[in-house]
């Protein structure tokens, strides 16, 4: 065996040793990232859902009373705040979904 093959073999072994040593760290890091992403999605969606229900309850309740009082309540500062929160959480939720799908597509393509 010449020196070139020996160096290449030792580099491959060193790379394999490093990969084996990093595998648990990468696995734990991936699980941590998946947990953070899942909790972020849950938090944003729960906030969006809760504010949508609150807006329906407070600002435009069902029935004829909601229709009649809706003229006044939808212009209130509280209803505007609730609507703004819903807009922001909708944007955040769609951004998270886009990022997750983009990452999956990149992994499938090997980029």
PDB file of N, CA and C in Angstrom:
ATOM      1  N   UNK A   1       0.842  -1.165   0.000  1.00  0.00           N
ATOM      2  CA  UNK A   1       0.000   0.000   0.000  1.00  0.00           C
ATOM      3  C   UNK A   1       0.890   1.232   0.000  1.00  0.00           C
ATOM      4  N   UNK A   2       0.517   2.198  -0.809  1.00  0.00           N
ATOM      5  CA  UNK A   2       1.337   3.402  -0.830  1.00  0.00           C
ATOM      6  C   UNK A   2       0.858   4.391   0.224  1.00  0.00           C
ATOM      7  N   UNK A   3       1.587   5.460   0.391  1.00  0.00           N
ATOM      8  CA  UNK A   3       1.302   6.444   1.433  1.00  0.00           C
ATOM      9  C   UNK A   3      -0.036   7.163   1.165  1.00  0.00           C
ATOM     10  N   UNK A   4      -0.362   7.308  -0.116  1.00  0.00           N
ATOM     11  CA  UNK A   4      -1.597   8.003  -0.471  1.00  0.00           C
ATOM     12  C   UNK A   4      -2.812   7.225   0.025  1.00  0.00           C
ATOM     13  N   UNK A   5      -2.839   5.924  -0.192  1.00  0.00           N
ATOM     14  CA  UNK A   5      -3.952   5.090   0.242  1.00  0.00           C
ATOM     15  C   UNK A   5      -4.034   5.031   1.767  1.00  0.00           C
ATOM     16  N   UNK A   6      -2.898   4.970   2.438  1.00  0.00           N
ATOM     17  CA  UNK A   6      -2.878   4.912   3.886  1.00  0.00           C
ATOM     18  C   UNK A   6      -3.456   6.194   4.485  1.00  0.00           C
ATOM     19  N   UNK A   7      -3.099   7.340   3.934  1.00  0.00           N
ATOM     20  CA  UNK A   7      -3.626   8.619   4.412  1.00  0.00           C
ATOM     21  C   UNK A   7      -5.122   8.715   4.182  1.00  0.00           C
ATOM     22  N   UNK A   8      -5.559   8.253   3.033  1.00  0.00           N
ATOM     23  CA  UNK A   8      -6.980   8.295   2.720  1.00  0.00           C
ATOM     24  C   UNK A   8      -7.766   7.394   3.664  1.00  0.00           C
ATOM     25  N   UNK A   9      -7.205   6.230   3.954  1.00  0.00           N
ATOM     26  CA  UNK A   9      -7.858   5.295   4.863  1.00  0.00           C
ATOM     27  C   UNK A   9      -7.950   5.877   6.270  1.00  0.00           C
ATOM     28  N   UNK A  10      -6.863   6.509   6.729  1.00  0.00           N
ATOM     29  CA  UNK A  10      -6.888   7.080   8.073  1.00  0.00           C
ATOM     30  C   UNK A  10      -7.858   8.266   8.146  1.00  0.00           C
ATOM     31  N   UNK A  11      -7.961   9.045   7.060  1.00  0.00           N
ATOM     32  CA  UNK A  11      -8.925  10.142   7.036  1.00  0.00           C
ATOM     33  C   UNK A  11     -10.352   9.605   7.103  1.00  0.00           C
ATOM     34  N   UNK A  12     -10.628   8.537   6.381  1.00  0.00           N
ATOM     35  CA  UNK A  12     -11.966   7.938   6.411  1.00  0.00           C
ATOM     36  C   UNK A  12     -12.293   7.420   7.809  1.00  0.00           C
ATOM     37  N   UNK A  13     -11.289   6.790   8.436  1.00  0.00           N
ATOM     38  CA  UNK A  13     -11.516   6.263   9.787  1.00  0.00           C
ATOM     39  C   UNK A  13     -11.742   7.411  10.765  1.00  0.00           C
ATOM     40  N   UNK A  14     -10.969   8.485  10.624  1.00  0.00           N
ATOM     41  CA  UNK A  14     -11.132   9.629  11.517  1.00  0.00           C
ATOM     42  C   UNK A  14     -12.506  10.269  11.320  1.00  0.00           C
ATOM     43  N   UNK A  15     -12.939  10.370  10.061  1.00  0.00           N
ATOM     44  CA  UNK A  15     -14.254  10.932   9.774  1.00  0.00           C
ATOM     45  C   UNK A  15     -15.349  10.058  10.365  1.00  0.00           C
ATOM     46  N   UNK A  16     -15.202   8.755  10.241  1.00  0.00           N
ATOM     47  CA  UNK A  16     -16.186   7.829  10.799  1.00  0.00           C
ATOM     48  C   UNK A  16     -16.215   7.931  12.320  1.00  0.00           C
ATOM     49  N   UNK A  17     -15.039   8.051  12.955  1.00  0.00           N
ATOM     50  CA  UNK A  17     -14.983   8.198  14.410  1.00  0.00           C
ATOM     51  C   UNK A  17     -15.668   9.486  14.867  1.00  0.00           C
ATOM     52  N   UNK A  18     -15.431  10.570  14.145  1.00  0.00           N
ATOM     53  CA  UNK A  18     -16.074  11.841  14.487  1.00  0.00           C
ATOM     54  C   UNK A  18     -17.578  11.734  14.303  1.00  0.00           C
ATOM     55  N   UNK A  19     -18.011  11.114  13.201  1.00  0.00           N
ATOM     56  CA  UNK A  19     -19.450  10.943  12.958  1.00  0.00           C
ATOM     57  C   UNK A  19     -20.095  10.111  14.050  1.00  0.00           C
ATOM     58  N   UNK A  20     -19.426   9.052  14.463  1.00  0.00           N
ATOM     59  CA  UNK A  20     -19.964   8.209  15.541  1.00  0.00           C
ATOM     60  C   UNK A  20     -20.019   8.967  16.862  1.00  0.00           C
ATOM     61  N   UNK A  21     -19.032   9.793  17.107  1.00  0.00           N
ATOM     62  CA  UNK A  21     -19.010  10.560  18.355  1.00  0.00           C
ATOM     63  C   UNK A  21     -20.087  11.642  18.364  1.00  0.00           C
ATOM     64  N   UNK A  22     -20.380  12.228  17.192  1.00  0.00           N
ATOM     65  CA  UNK A  22     -21.367  13.302  17.111  1.00  0.00           C
ATOM     66  C   UNK A  22     -22.797  12.797  16.982  1.00  0.00           C
ATOM     67  N   UNK A  23     -22.991  11.533  16.649  1.00  0.00           N
ATOM     68  CA  UNK A  23     -24.338  11.005  16.406  1.00  0.00           C
ATOM     69  C   UNK A  23     -25.297  11.242  17.573  1.00  0.00           C
ATOM     70  N   UNK A  24     -24.911  10.939  18.834  1.00  0.00           N
ATOM     71  CA  UNK A  24     -25.851  11.201  19.929  1.00  0.00           C
ATOM     72  C   UNK A  24     -26.165  12.690  20.107  1.00  0.00           C
ATOM     73  N   UNK A  25     -25.162  13.535  19.886  1.00  0.00           N
ATOM     74  CA  UNK A  25     -25.363  14.975  20.027  1.00  0.00           C
ATOM     75  C   UNK A  25     -26.334  15.471  18.962  1.00  0.00           C
ATOM     76  N   UNK A  26     -26.128  15.036  17.720  1.00  0.00           N
ATOM     77  CA  UNK A  26     -26.990  15.448  16.620  1.00  0.00           C
ATOM     78  C   UNK A  26     -28.404  14.924  16.846  1.00  0.00           C
ATOM     79  N   UNK A  27     -28.518  13.684  17.314  1.00  0.00           N
ATOM     80  CA  UNK A  27     -29.830  13.088  17.569  1.00  0.00           C
ATOM     81  C   UNK A  27     -30.567  13.859  18.662  1.00  0.00           C
ATOM     82  N   UNK A  28     -29.873  14.187  19.753  1.00  0.00           N
ATOM     83  CA  UNK A  28     -30.484  14.956  20.841  1.00  0.00           C
ATOM     84  C   UNK A  28     -30.861  16.356  20.369  1.00  0.00           C
ATOM     85  N   UNK A  29     -29.989  16.966  19.560  1.00  0.00           N
ATOM     86  CA  UNK A  29     -30.251  18.294  19.046  1.00  0.00           C
ATOM     87  C   UNK A  29     -31.474  18.280  18.127  1.00  0.00           C
ATOM     88  N   UNK A  30     -31.587  17.257  17.289  1.00  0.00           N
ATOM     89  CA  UNK A  30     -32.730  17.139  16.394  1.00  0.00           C
ATOM     90  C   UNK A  30     -34.017  16.966  17.187  1.00  0.00           C
ATOM     91  N   UNK A  31     -33.995  16.133  18.202  1.00  0.00           N
ATOM     92  CA  UNK A  31     -35.180  15.938  19.035  1.00  0.00           C
ATOM     93  C   UNK A  31     -35.558  17.235  19.735  1.00  0.00           C
ATOM     94  N   UNK A  32     -34.561  17.966  20.200  1.00  0.00           N
ATOM     95  CA  UNK A  32     -34.810  19.251  20.859  1.00  0.00           C
ATOM     96  C   UNK A  32     -35.424  20.253  19.883  1.00  0.00           C
ATOM     97  N   UNK A  33     -34.903  20.300  18.672  1.00  0.00           N
ATOM     98  CA  UNK A  33     -35.426  21.221  17.663  1.00  0.00           C
ATOM     99  C   UNK A  33     -36.851  20.847  17.261  1.00  0.00           C
ATOM    100  N   UNK A  34     -37.118  19.560  17.125  1.00  0.00           N
ATOM    101  CA  UNK A  34     -38.474  19.117  16.796  1.00  0.00           C
ATOM    102  C   UNK A  34     -39.449  19.463  17.914  1.00  0.00           C
ATOM    103  N   UNK A  35     -38.993  19.311  19.157  1.00  0.00           N
ATOM    104  CA  UNK A  35     -39.840  19.648  20.296  1.00  0.00           C
ATOM    105  C   UNK A  35     -40.141  21.149  20.319  1.00  0.00           C
ATOM    106  N   UNK A  36     -39.118  21.975  20.081  1.00  0.00           N
ATOM    107  CA  UNK A  36     -39.313  23.422  20.048  1.00  0.00           C
ATOM    108  C   UNK A  36     -40.271  23.826  18.930  1.00  0.00           C
ATOM    109  N   UNK A  37     -40.097  23.218  17.763  1.00  0.00           N
ATOM    110  CA  UNK A  37     -40.964  23.533  16.634  1.00  0.00           C
ATOM    111  C   UNK A  37     -42.397  23.134  16.928  1.00  0.00           C
ATOM    112  N   UNK A  38     -42.584  21.950  17.480  1.00  0.00           N
ATOM    113  CA  UNK A  38     -43.929  21.488  17.823  1.00  0.00           C
ATOM    114  C   UNK A  38     -44.593  22.377  18.852  1.00  0.00           C
ATOM    115  N   UNK A  39     -43.842  22.776  19.866  1.00  0.00           N
ATOM    116  CA  UNK A  39     -44.397  23.659  20.891  1.00  0.00           C
ATOM    117  C   UNK A  39     -44.697  25.049  20.337  1.00  0.00           C
ATOM    118  N   UNK A  40     -43.865  25.528  19.425  1.00  0.00           N
ATOM    119  CA  UNK A  40     -44.126  26.822  18.791  1.00  0.00           C
ATOM    120  C   UNK A  40     -45.411  26.779  17.981  1.00  0.00           C
ATOM    121  N   UNK A  41     -45.575  25.715  17.205  1.00  0.00           N
ATOM    122  CA  UNK A  41     -46.796  25.566  16.411  1.00  0.00           C
ATOM    123  C   UNK A  41     -48.007  25.487  17.326  1.00  0.00           C
ATOM    124  N   UNK A  42     -47.902  24.719  18.371  1.00  0.00           N
ATOM    125  CA  UNK A  42     -49.014  24.574  19.315  1.00  0.00           C
ATOM    126  C   UNK A  42     -49.357  25.910  19.974  1.00  0.00           C
ATOM    127  N   UNK A  43     -48.362  26.656  20.397  1.00  0.00           N
ATOM    128  CA  UNK A  43     -48.589  27.944  21.048  1.00  0.00           C
ATOM    129  C   UNK A  43     -49.238  28.947  20.094  1.00  0.00           C
ATOM    130  N   UNK A  44     -48.700  29.055  18.883  1.00  0.00           N
ATOM    131  CA  UNK A  44     -49.229  30.029  17.925  1.00  0.00           C
ATOM    132  C   UNK A  44     -50.650  29.654  17.518  1.00  0.00           C
ATOM    133  N   UNK A  45     -50.876  28.375  17.220  1.00  0.00           N
ATOM    134  CA  UNK A  45     -52.218  27.971  16.795  1.00  0.00           C
ATOM    135  C   UNK A  45     -53.222  28.117  17.938  1.00  0.00           C
ATOM    136  N   UNK A  46     -52.830  27.757  19.150  1.00  0.00           N
ATOM    137  CA  UNK A  46     -53.733  27.891  20.297  1.00  0.00           C
ATOM    138  C   UNK A  46     -54.088  29.355  20.549  1.00  0.00           C
ATOM    139  N   UNK A  47     -53.105  30.240  20.427  1.00  0.00           N
ATOM    140  CA  UNK A  47     -53.369  31.666  20.588  1.00  0.00           C
ATOM    141  C   UNK A  47     -54.325  32.162  19.511  1.00  0.00           C
ATOM    142  N   UNK A  48     -54.091  31.733  18.271  1.00  0.00           N
ATOM    143  CA  UNK A  48     -54.963  32.142  17.168  1.00  0.00           C
ATOM    144  C   UNK A  48     -56.391  31.630  17.374  1.00  0.00           C
ATOM    145  N   UNK A  49     -56.509  30.375  17.724  1.00  0.00           N
ATOM    146  CA  UNK A  49     -57.828  29.773  17.938  1.00  0.00           C
ATOM    147  C   UNK A  49     -58.560  30.445  19.111  1.00  0.00           C
ATOM    148  N   UNK A  50     -57.835  30.675  20.191  1.00  0.00           N
ATOM    149  CA  UNK A  50     -58.435  31.306  21.362  1.00  0.00           C
ATOM    150  C   UNK A  50     -58.912  32.723  21.078  1.00  0.00           C
ATOM    151  N   UNK A  51     -58.104  33.501  20.359  1.00  0.00           N
ATOM    152  CA  UNK A  51     -58.520  34.864  20.048  1.00  0.00           C
ATOM    153  C   UNK A  51     -59.672  34.885  19.052  1.00  0.00           C
ATOM    154  N   UNK A  52     -59.714  33.919  18.137  1.00  0.00           N
ATOM    155  CA  UNK A  52     -60.848  33.847  17.205  1.00  0.00           C
ATOM    156  C   UNK A  52     -62.140  33.566  17.964  1.00  0.00           C
ATOM    157  N   UNK A  53     -62.085  32.641  18.908  1.00  0.00           N
ATOM    158  CA  UNK A  53     -63.267  32.339  19.719  1.00  0.00           C
ATOM    159  C   UNK A  53     -63.653  33.534  20.598  1.00  0.00           C
ATOM    160  N   UNK A  54     -62.666  34.216  21.170  1.00  0.00           N
ATOM    161  CA  UNK A  54     -62.933  35.386  21.990  1.00  0.00           C
ATOM    162  C   UNK A  54     -63.558  36.503  21.161  1.00  0.00           C
ATOM    163  N   UNK A  55     -63.040  36.718  19.955  1.00  0.00           N
ATOM    164  CA  UNK A  55     -63.596  37.737  19.058  1.00  0.00           C
ATOM    165  C   UNK A  55     -65.056  37.411  18.735  1.00  0.00           C
ATOM    166  N   UNK A  56     -65.333  36.159  18.455  1.00  0.00           N
ATOM    167  CA  UNK A  56     -66.705  35.747  18.168  1.00  0.00           C
ATOM    168  C   UNK A  56     -67.611  35.958  19.382  1.00  0.00           C
ATOM    169  N   UNK A  57     -67.108  35.669  20.555  1.00  0.00           N
ATOM    170  CA  UNK A  57     -67.905  35.787  21.771  1.00  0.00           C
ATOM    171  C   UNK A  57     -68.139  37.245  22.173  1.00  0.00           C
ATOM    172  N   UNK A  58     -67.082  38.058  22.141  1.00  0.00           N
ATOM    173  CA  UNK A  58     -67.158  39.418  22.649  1.00  0.00           C
ATOM    174  C   UNK A  58     -67.602  40.424  21.577  1.00  0.00           C
ATOM    175  N   UNK A  59     -67.042  40.307  20.392  1.00  0.00           N
ATOM    176  CA  UNK A  59     -67.240  41.366  19.394  1.00  0.00           C
ATOM    177  C   UNK A  59     -68.436  41.134  18.467  1.00  0.00           C
ATOM    178  N   UNK A  60     -68.653  39.927  18.042  1.00  0.00           N
ATOM    179  CA  UNK A  60     -69.771  39.617  17.145  1.00  0.00           C
ATOM    180  C   UNK A  60     -70.466  38.339  17.617  1.00  0.00           C
ATOM    181  N   UNK A  61     -71.190  38.420  18.729  1.00  0.00           N
ATOM    182  CA  UNK A  61     -71.865  37.228  19.218  1.00  0.00           C
ATOM    183  C   UNK A  61     -72.938  36.755  18.230  1.00  0.00           C
ATOM    184  N   UNK A  62     -73.314  35.506  18.346  1.00  0.00           N
ATOM    185  CA  UNK A  62     -74.322  34.927  17.461  1.00  0.00           C
ATOM    186  C   UNK A  62     -75.698  35.528  17.738  1.00  0.00           C
ATOM    187  N   UNK A  63     -76.518  35.499  16.739  1.00  0.00           N
ATOM    188  CA  UNK A  63     -77.907  35.922  16.902  1.00  0.00           C
ATOM    189  C   UNK A  63     -78.140  37.367  16.527  1.00  0.00           C
ATOM    190  N   UNK A  64     -79.353  37.797  16.737  1.00  0.00           N
ATOM    191  CA  UNK A  64     -79.754  39.153  16.379  1.00  0.00           C
ATOM    192  C   UNK A  64     -79.070  40.194  17.259  1.00  0.00           C
ATOM    193  N   UNK A  65     -78.792  39.834  18.516  1.00  0.00           N
ATOM    194  CA  UNK A  65     -78.097  40.789  19.400  1.00  0.00           C
ATOM    195  C   UNK A  65     -76.679  41.043  18.900  1.00  0.00           C
ATOM    196  N   UNK A  66     -76.023  40.012  18.389  1.00  0.00           N
ATOM    197  CA  UNK A  66     -74.686  40.193  17.826  1.00  0.00           C
ATOM    198  C   UNK A  66     -74.700  41.082  16.605  1.00  0.00           C
ATOM    199  N   UNK A  67     -75.745  40.938  15.810  1.00  0.00           N
ATOM    200  CA  UNK A  67     -75.884  41.784  14.627  1.00  0.00           C
ATOM    201  C   UNK A  67     -76.104  43.242  15.022  1.00  0.00           C
ATOM    202  N   UNK A  68     -76.980  43.455  16.000  1.00  0.00           N
ATOM    203  CA  UNK A  68     -77.296  44.821  16.415  1.00  0.00           C
ATOM    204  C   UNK A  68     -76.147  45.491  17.163  1.00  0.00           C
ATOM    205  N   UNK A  69     -75.523  44.770  18.100  1.00  0.00           N
ATOM    206  CA  UNK A  69     -74.435  45.351  18.893  1.00  0.00           C
ATOM    207  C   UNK A  69     -73.093  45.310  18.163  1.00  0.00           C
ATOM    208  N   UNK A  70     -73.004  44.535  17.092  1.00  0.00           N
ATOM    209  CA  UNK A  70     -71.761  44.428  16.332  1.00  0.00           C
ATOM    210  C   UNK A  70     -71.282  45.746  15.778  1.00  0.00           C
ATOM    211  N   UNK A  71     -72.231  46.649  15.480  1.00  0.00           N
ATOM    212  CA  UNK A  71     -71.841  47.963  14.970  1.00  0.00           C
ATOM    213  C   UNK A  71     -70.987  48.719  15.973  1.00  0.00           C
ATOM    214  N   UNK A  72     -71.285  48.539  17.241  1.00  0.00           N
ATOM    215  CA  UNK A  72     -70.564  49.251  18.298  1.00  0.00           C
ATOM    216  C   UNK A  72     -69.345  48.470  18.753  1.00  0.00           C
ATOM    217  N   UNK A  73     -69.518  47.173  18.994  1.00  0.00           N
ATOM    218  CA  UNK A  73     -68.441  46.385  19.602  1.00  0.00           C
ATOM    219  C   UNK A  73     -67.263  46.148  18.668  1.00  0.00           C
ATOM    220  N   UNK A  74     -67.490  46.012  17.367  1.00  0.00           N
ATOM    221  CA  UNK A  74     -66.361  45.734  16.478  1.00  0.00           C
ATOM    222  C   UNK A  74     -65.409  46.908  16.367  1.00  0.00           C
ATOM    223  N   UNK A  75     -65.861  48.094  16.681  1.00  0.00           N
ATOM    224  CA  UNK A  75     -64.987  49.276  16.635  1.00  0.00           C
ATOM    225  C   UNK A  75     -64.302  49.545  17.968  1.00  0.00           C
ATOM    226  N   UNK A  76     -64.577  48.732  18.979  1.00  0.00           N
ATOM    227  CA  UNK A  76     -63.977  48.967  20.293  1.00  0.00           C
ATOM    228  C   UNK A  76     -62.489  48.622  20.277  1.00  0.00           C
ATOM    229  N   UNK A  77     -61.729  49.254  21.159  1.00  0.00           N
ATOM    230  CA  UNK A  77     -60.289  48.965  21.228  1.00  0.00           C
ATOM    231  C   UNK A  77     -59.986  47.494  21.525  1.00  0.00           C
ATOM    232  N   UNK A  78     -60.801  46.865  22.383  1.00  0.00           N
ATOM    233  CA  UNK A  78     -60.568  45.457  22.715  1.00  0.00           C
ATOM    234  C   UNK A  78     -60.718  44.573  21.487  1.00  0.00           C
ATOM    235  N   UNK A  79     -61.744  44.832  20.705  1.00  0.00           N
ATOM    236  CA  UNK A  79     -61.975  44.005  19.512  1.00  0.00           C
ATOM    237  C   UNK A  79     -60.892  44.240  18.459  1.00  0.00           C
ATOM    238  N   UNK A  80     -60.434  45.481  18.354  1.00  0.00           N
ATOM    239  CA  UNK A  80     -59.333  45.767  17.428  1.00  0.00           C
ATOM    240  C   UNK A  80     -58.063  45.043  17.865  1.00  0.00           C
ATOM    241  N   UNK A  81     -57.802  45.042  19.170  1.00  0.00           N
ATOM    242  CA  UNK A  81     -56.630  44.339  19.694  1.00  0.00           C
ATOM    243  C   UNK A  81     -56.728  42.834  19.420  1.00  0.00           C
ATOM    244  N   UNK A  82     -57.894  42.269  19.679  1.00  0.00           N
ATOM    245  CA  UNK A  82     -58.093  40.830  19.436  1.00  0.00           C
ATOM    246  C   UNK A  82     -57.889  40.513  17.960  1.00  0.00           C
ATOM    247  N   UNK A  83     -58.420  41.366  17.090  1.00  0.00           N
ATOM    248  CA  UNK A  83     -58.272  41.150  15.655  1.00  0.00           C
ATOM    249  C   UNK A  83     -56.817  41.258  15.211  1.00  0.00           C
ATOM    250  N   UNK A  84     -56.081  42.196  15.795  1.00  0.00           N
ATOM    251  CA  UNK A  84     -54.651  42.332  15.474  1.00  0.00           C
ATOM    252  C   UNK A  84     -53.871  41.088  15.915  1.00  0.00           C
ATOM    253  N   UNK A  85     -54.188  40.578  17.087  1.00  0.00           N
ATOM    254  CA  UNK A  85     -53.521  39.356  17.558  1.00  0.00           C
ATOM    255  C   UNK A  85     -53.809  38.210  16.601  1.00  0.00           C
ATOM    256  N   UNK A  86     -55.059  38.108  16.151  1.00  0.00           N
ATOM    257  CA  UNK A  86     -55.408  37.052  15.195  1.00  0.00           C
ATOM    258  C   UNK A  86     -54.630  37.201  13.891  1.00  0.00           C
ATOM    259  N   UNK A  87     -54.471  38.425  13.418  1.00  0.00           N
ATOM    260  CA  UNK A  87     -53.712  38.656  12.179  1.00  0.00           C
ATOM    261  C   UNK A  87     -52.256  38.227  12.342  1.00  0.00           C
ATOM    262  N   UNK A  88     -51.661  38.615  13.473  1.00  0.00           N
ATOM    263  CA  UNK A  88     -50.250  38.271  13.699  1.00  0.00           C
ATOM    264  C   UNK A  88     -50.052  36.764  13.858  1.00  0.00           C
ATOM    265  N   UNK A  89     -50.926  36.117  14.602  1.00  0.00           N
ATOM    266  CA  UNK A  89     -50.758  34.670  14.789  1.00  0.00           C
ATOM    267  C   UNK A  89     -51.017  33.910  13.491  1.00  0.00           C
ATOM    268  N   UNK A  90     -51.919  34.421  12.646  1.00  0.00           N
ATOM    269  CA  UNK A  90     -52.134  33.794  11.338  1.00  0.00           C
ATOM    270  C   UNK A  90     -50.867  33.872  10.499  1.00  0.00           C
ATOM    271  N   UNK A  91     -50.215  35.033  10.513  1.00  0.00           N
ATOM    272  CA  UNK A  91     -48.971  35.221   9.779  1.00  0.00           C
ATOM    273  C   UNK A  91     -47.864  34.326  10.329  1.00  0.00           C
ATOM    274  N   UNK A  92     -47.743  34.254  11.646  1.00  0.00           N
ATOM    275  CA  UNK A  92     -46.711  33.421  12.260  1.00  0.00           C
ATOM    276  C   UNK A  92     -46.947  31.945  11.967  1.00  0.00           C
ATOM    277  N   UNK A  93     -48.187  31.509  12.043  1.00  0.00           N
ATOM    278  CA  UNK A  93     -48.509  30.100  11.803  1.00  0.00           C
ATOM    279  C   UNK A  93     -48.187  29.718  10.358  1.00  0.00           C
ATOM    280  N   UNK A  94     -48.573  30.565   9.418  1.00  0.00           N
ATOM    281  CA  UNK A  94     -48.281  30.245   8.017  1.00  0.00           C
ATOM    282  C   UNK A  94     -46.776  30.272   7.750  1.00  0.00           C
ATOM    283  N   UNK A  95     -46.058  31.152   8.420  1.00  0.00           N
ATOM    284  CA  UNK A  95     -44.598  31.197   8.262  1.00  0.00           C
ATOM    285  C   UNK A  95     -43.942  29.928   8.802  1.00  0.00           C
ATOM    286  N   UNK A  96     -44.387  29.461   9.960  1.00  0.00           N
ATOM    287  CA  UNK A  96     -43.833  28.233  10.538  1.00  0.00           C
ATOM    288  C   UNK A  96     -44.094  27.050   9.610  1.00  0.00           C
ATOM    289  N   UNK A  97     -45.314  26.940   9.089  1.00  0.00           N
ATOM    290  CA  UNK A  97     -45.653  25.846   8.175  1.00  0.00           C
ATOM    291  C   UNK A  97     -44.789  25.922   6.926  1.00  0.00           C
ATOM    292  N   UNK A  98     -44.601  27.118   6.370  1.00  0.00           N
ATOM    293  CA  UNK A  98     -43.769  27.287   5.182  1.00  0.00           C
ATOM    294  C   UNK A  98     -42.322  26.875   5.443  1.00  0.00           C
ATOM    295  N   UNK A  99     -41.790  27.248   6.586  1.00  0.00           N
ATOM    296  CA  UNK A  99     -40.406  26.898   6.922  1.00  0.00           C
ATOM    297  C   UNK A  99     -40.261  25.385   7.084  1.00  0.00           C
ATOM    298  N   UNK A 100     -41.193  24.767   7.780  1.00  0.00           N
ATOM    299  CA  UNK A 100     -41.123  23.312   7.988  1.00  0.00           C
ATOM    300  C   UNK A 100     -41.224  22.576   6.651  1.00  0.00           C
ATOM    301  N   UNK A 101     -42.159  22.971   5.798  1.00  0.00           N
ATOM    302  CA  UNK A 101     -42.304  22.317   4.497  1.00  0.00           C
ATOM    303  C   UNK A 101     -41.083  22.556   3.618  1.00  0.00           C
ATOM    304  N   UNK A 102     -40.523  23.758   3.662  1.00  0.00           N
ATOM    305  CA  UNK A 102     -39.317  24.047   2.880  1.00  0.00           C
ATOM    306  C   UNK A 102     -38.157  23.175   3.330  1.00  0.00           C
ATOM    307  N   UNK A 103     -38.020  23.012   4.629  1.00  0.00           N
ATOM    308  CA  UNK A 103     -36.941  22.170   5.163  1.00  0.00           C
ATOM    309  C   UNK A 103     -37.109  20.718   4.730  1.00  0.00           C
ATOM    310  N   UNK A 104     -38.340  20.226   4.762  1.00  0.00           N
ATOM    311  CA  UNK A 104     -38.589  18.846   4.346  1.00  0.00           C
ATOM    312  C   UNK A 104     -38.273  18.666   2.851  1.00  0.00           C
ATOM    313  N   UNK A 105     -38.662  19.619   2.045  1.00  0.00           N
ATOM    314  CA  UNK A 105     -38.376  19.537   0.613  1.00  0.00           C
ATOM    315  C   UNK A 105     -36.877  19.593   0.361  1.00  0.00           C
ATOM    316  N   UNK A 106     -36.169  20.461   1.082  1.00  0.00           N
ATOM    317  CA  UNK A 106     -34.722  20.526   0.927  1.00  0.00           C
ATOM    318  C   UNK A 106     -34.051  19.214   1.317  1.00  0.00           C
ATOM    319  N   UNK A 107     -34.552  18.580   2.382  1.00  0.00           N
ATOM    320  CA  UNK A 107     -33.977  17.299   2.785  1.00  0.00           C
ATOM    321  C   UNK A 107     -34.265  16.222   1.742  1.00  0.00           C
ATOM    322  N   UNK A 108     -35.452  16.235   1.170  1.00  0.00           N
ATOM    323  CA  UNK A 108     -35.776  15.243   0.134  1.00  0.00           C
ATOM    324  C   UNK A 108     -34.928  15.426  -1.111  1.00  0.00           C
ATOM    325  N   UNK A 109     -34.635  16.670  -1.454  1.00  0.00           N
ATOM    326  CA  UNK A 109     -33.804  16.958  -2.618  1.00  0.00           C
ATOM    327  C   UNK A 109     -32.318  16.819  -2.318  1.00  0.00           C
ATOM    328  N   UNK A 110     -31.953  16.721  -1.057  1.00  0.00           N
ATOM    329  CA  UNK A 110     -30.557  16.565  -0.673  1.00  0.00           C
ATOM    330  C   UNK A 110     -29.757  17.847  -0.732  1.00  0.00           C
ATOM    331  N   UNK A 111     -30.423  18.957  -0.538  1.00  0.00           N
ATOM    332  CA  UNK A 111     -29.742  20.267  -0.603  1.00  0.00           C
ATOM    333  C   UNK A 111     -29.205  20.622   0.762  1.00  0.00           C
TER     334      UNK A 111
END
